[in-house]
Amino acid sequence: MARRETGIDPAGYAAGAALAAFRSARNAGKPAVECYRAGVAAWRRIHPDHSPEYAAKQAVGVILARHARLTIEG
């Protein structure tokens, strides 16, 4: 079900859904690609009007921003 103007930030709601789906898949021991796909699918459920490419960029961006680790060796 898509969220409409209800005072809730739809992008924030979609981001939370994408993160929750990613974590759920990761906790279930799924391969990384399936975890990201779960996040993208959750984003698209919230925003069915977004193109698959745009939804993927947004969802993966949110997931990476939360879970990516940068290590600099020197």
C-alpha atoms as a PDB file:
ATOM      1  CA  MET A   1       0.000   0.000   0.000  1.00  0.00           C
ATOM      2  CA  ALA A   2       1.378   3.387  -0.968  1.00  0.00           C
ATOM      3  CA  ARG A   3       1.480   6.206   1.555  1.00  0.00           C
ATOM      4  CA  ARG A   4      -0.105   9.487   0.526  1.00  0.00           C
ATOM      5  CA  GLU A   5      -0.038  12.944   2.066  1.00  0.00           C
ATOM      6  CA  THR A   6      -0.765  12.217   5.704  1.00  0.00           C
ATOM      7  CA  GLY A   7       1.863  14.328   7.402  1.00  0.00           C
ATOM      8  CA  ILE A   8       4.363  11.450   7.262  1.00  0.00           C
ATOM      9  CA  ASP A   9       7.469  12.018   5.159  1.00  0.00           C
ATOM     10  CA  PRO A  10       7.065   9.391   2.399  1.00  0.00           C
ATOM     11  CA  ALA A  11      10.796   9.265   1.661  1.00  0.00           C
ATOM     12  CA  GLY A  12      11.526   8.719   5.350  1.00  0.00           C
ATOM     13  CA  TYR A  13       8.883   6.025   5.519  1.00  0.00           C
ATOM     14  CA  ALA A  14      10.276   4.329   2.406  1.00  0.00           C
ATOM     15  CA  ALA A  15      13.808   4.562   3.774  1.00  0.00           C
ATOM     16  CA  GLY A  16      12.742   2.891   6.997  1.00  0.00           C
ATOM     17  CA  ALA A  17      10.927   0.159   5.101  1.00  0.00           C
ATOM     18  CA  ALA A  18      13.955  -0.444   2.861  1.00  0.00           C
ATOM     19  CA  LEU A  19      16.280  -0.674   5.865  1.00  0.00           C
ATOM     20  CA  ALA A  20      13.944  -3.026   7.716  1.00  0.00           C
ATOM     21  CA  ALA A  21      13.601  -5.313   4.690  1.00  0.00           C
ATOM     22  CA  PHE A  22      17.372  -5.331   4.177  1.00  0.00           C
ATOM     23  CA  ARG A  23      18.024  -6.187   7.825  1.00  0.00           C
ATOM     24  CA  SER A  24      15.368  -8.884   7.852  1.00  0.00           C
ATOM     25  CA  ALA A  25      16.870 -10.562   4.793  1.00  0.00           C
ATOM     26  CA  ARG A  26      20.385 -10.243   6.227  1.00  0.00           C
ATOM     27  CA  ASN A  27      19.285 -11.733   9.549  1.00  0.00           C
ATOM     28  CA  ALA A  28      17.735 -14.623   7.625  1.00  0.00           C
ATOM     29  CA  GLY A  29      21.164 -15.374   6.151  1.00  0.00           C
ATOM     30  CA  LYS A  30      20.264 -14.395   2.589  1.00  0.00           C
ATOM     31  CA  PRO A  31      23.019 -13.521   0.103  1.00  0.00           C
ATOM     32  CA  ALA A  32      23.863  -9.809  -0.123  1.00  0.00           C
ATOM     33  CA  VAL A  33      22.157  -9.360  -3.482  1.00  0.00           C
ATOM     34  CA  GLU A  34      18.873 -10.698  -2.077  1.00  0.00           C
ATOM     35  CA  CYS A  35      19.163  -8.353   0.902  1.00  0.00           C
ATOM     36  CA  TYR A  36      19.484  -5.341  -1.386  1.00  0.00           C
ATOM     37  CA  ARG A  37      16.640  -6.610  -3.578  1.00  0.00           C
ATOM     38  CA  ALA A  38      14.425  -6.837  -0.509  1.00  0.00           C
ATOM     39  CA  GLY A  39      15.221  -3.206   0.303  1.00  0.00           C
ATOM     40  CA  VAL A  40      14.437  -2.081  -3.237  1.00  0.00           C
ATOM     41  CA  ALA A  41      11.177  -4.048  -3.253  1.00  0.00           C
ATOM     42  CA  ALA A  42      10.140  -2.380  -0.001  1.00  0.00           C
ATOM     43  CA  TRP A  43      10.902   1.056  -1.472  1.00  0.00           C
ATOM     44  CA  ARG A  44       8.817   0.250  -4.552  1.00  0.00           C
ATOM     45  CA  ARG A  45       5.869  -0.844  -2.419  1.00  0.00           C
ATOM     46  CA  ILE A  46       5.864   2.609  -0.829  1.00  0.00           C
ATOM     47  CA  HIS A  47       6.552   4.423  -4.112  1.00  0.00           C
ATOM     48  CA  PRO A  48       5.031   2.370  -6.960  1.00  0.00           C
ATOM     49  CA  ASP A  49       5.258   5.469  -9.159  1.00  0.00           C
ATOM     50  CA  HIS A  50       9.092   5.446  -9.037  1.00  0.00           C
ATOM     51  CA  SER A  51      10.919   3.763 -11.890  1.00  0.00           C
ATOM     52  CA  PRO A  52      12.785   0.573 -10.953  1.00  0.00           C
ATOM     53  CA  GLU A  53      16.120   2.305 -11.578  1.00  0.00           C
ATOM     54  CA  TYR A  54      15.296   5.331  -9.428  1.00  0.00           C
ATOM     55  CA  ALA A  55      13.891   3.171  -6.630  1.00  0.00           C
ATOM     56  CA  ALA A  56      17.028   1.023  -6.675  1.00  0.00           C
ATOM     57  CA  LYS A  57      19.313   4.065  -6.458  1.00  0.00           C
ATOM     58  CA  GLN A  58      17.336   5.518  -3.581  1.00  0.00           C
ATOM     59  CA  ALA A  59      16.994   2.298  -1.579  1.00  0.00           C
ATOM     60  CA  VAL A  60      20.594   1.182  -2.055  1.00  0.00           C
ATOM     61  CA  GLY A  61      21.794   4.684  -1.200  1.00  0.00           C
ATOM     62  CA  VAL A  62      19.879   4.598   2.086  1.00  0.00           C
ATOM     63  CA  ILE A  63      21.136   1.105   2.894  1.00  0.00           C
ATOM     64  CA  LEU A  64      24.761   1.965   2.117  1.00  0.00           C
ATOM     65  CA  ALA A  65      24.573   5.204   4.084  1.00  0.00           C
ATOM     66  CA  ARG A  66      23.490   3.234   7.143  1.00  0.00           C
ATOM     67  CA  HIS A  67      25.594   0.070   6.784  1.00  0.00           C
ATOM     68  CA  ALA A  68      28.720   0.952   4.783  1.00  0.00           C
ATOM     69  CA  ARG A  69      32.019   1.081   6.579  1.00  0.00           C
ATOM     70  CA  LEU A  70      34.988   2.967   5.190  1.00  0.00           C
ATOM     71  CA  THR A  71      38.416   1.783   6.240  1.00  0.00           C
ATOM     72  CA  ILE A  72      41.529   3.669   5.230  1.00  0.00           C
ATOM     73  CA  GLU A  73      44.772   1.833   5.593  1.00  0.00           C
ATOM     74  CA  GLY A  74      47.912   3.861   5.619  1.00  0.00           C
END
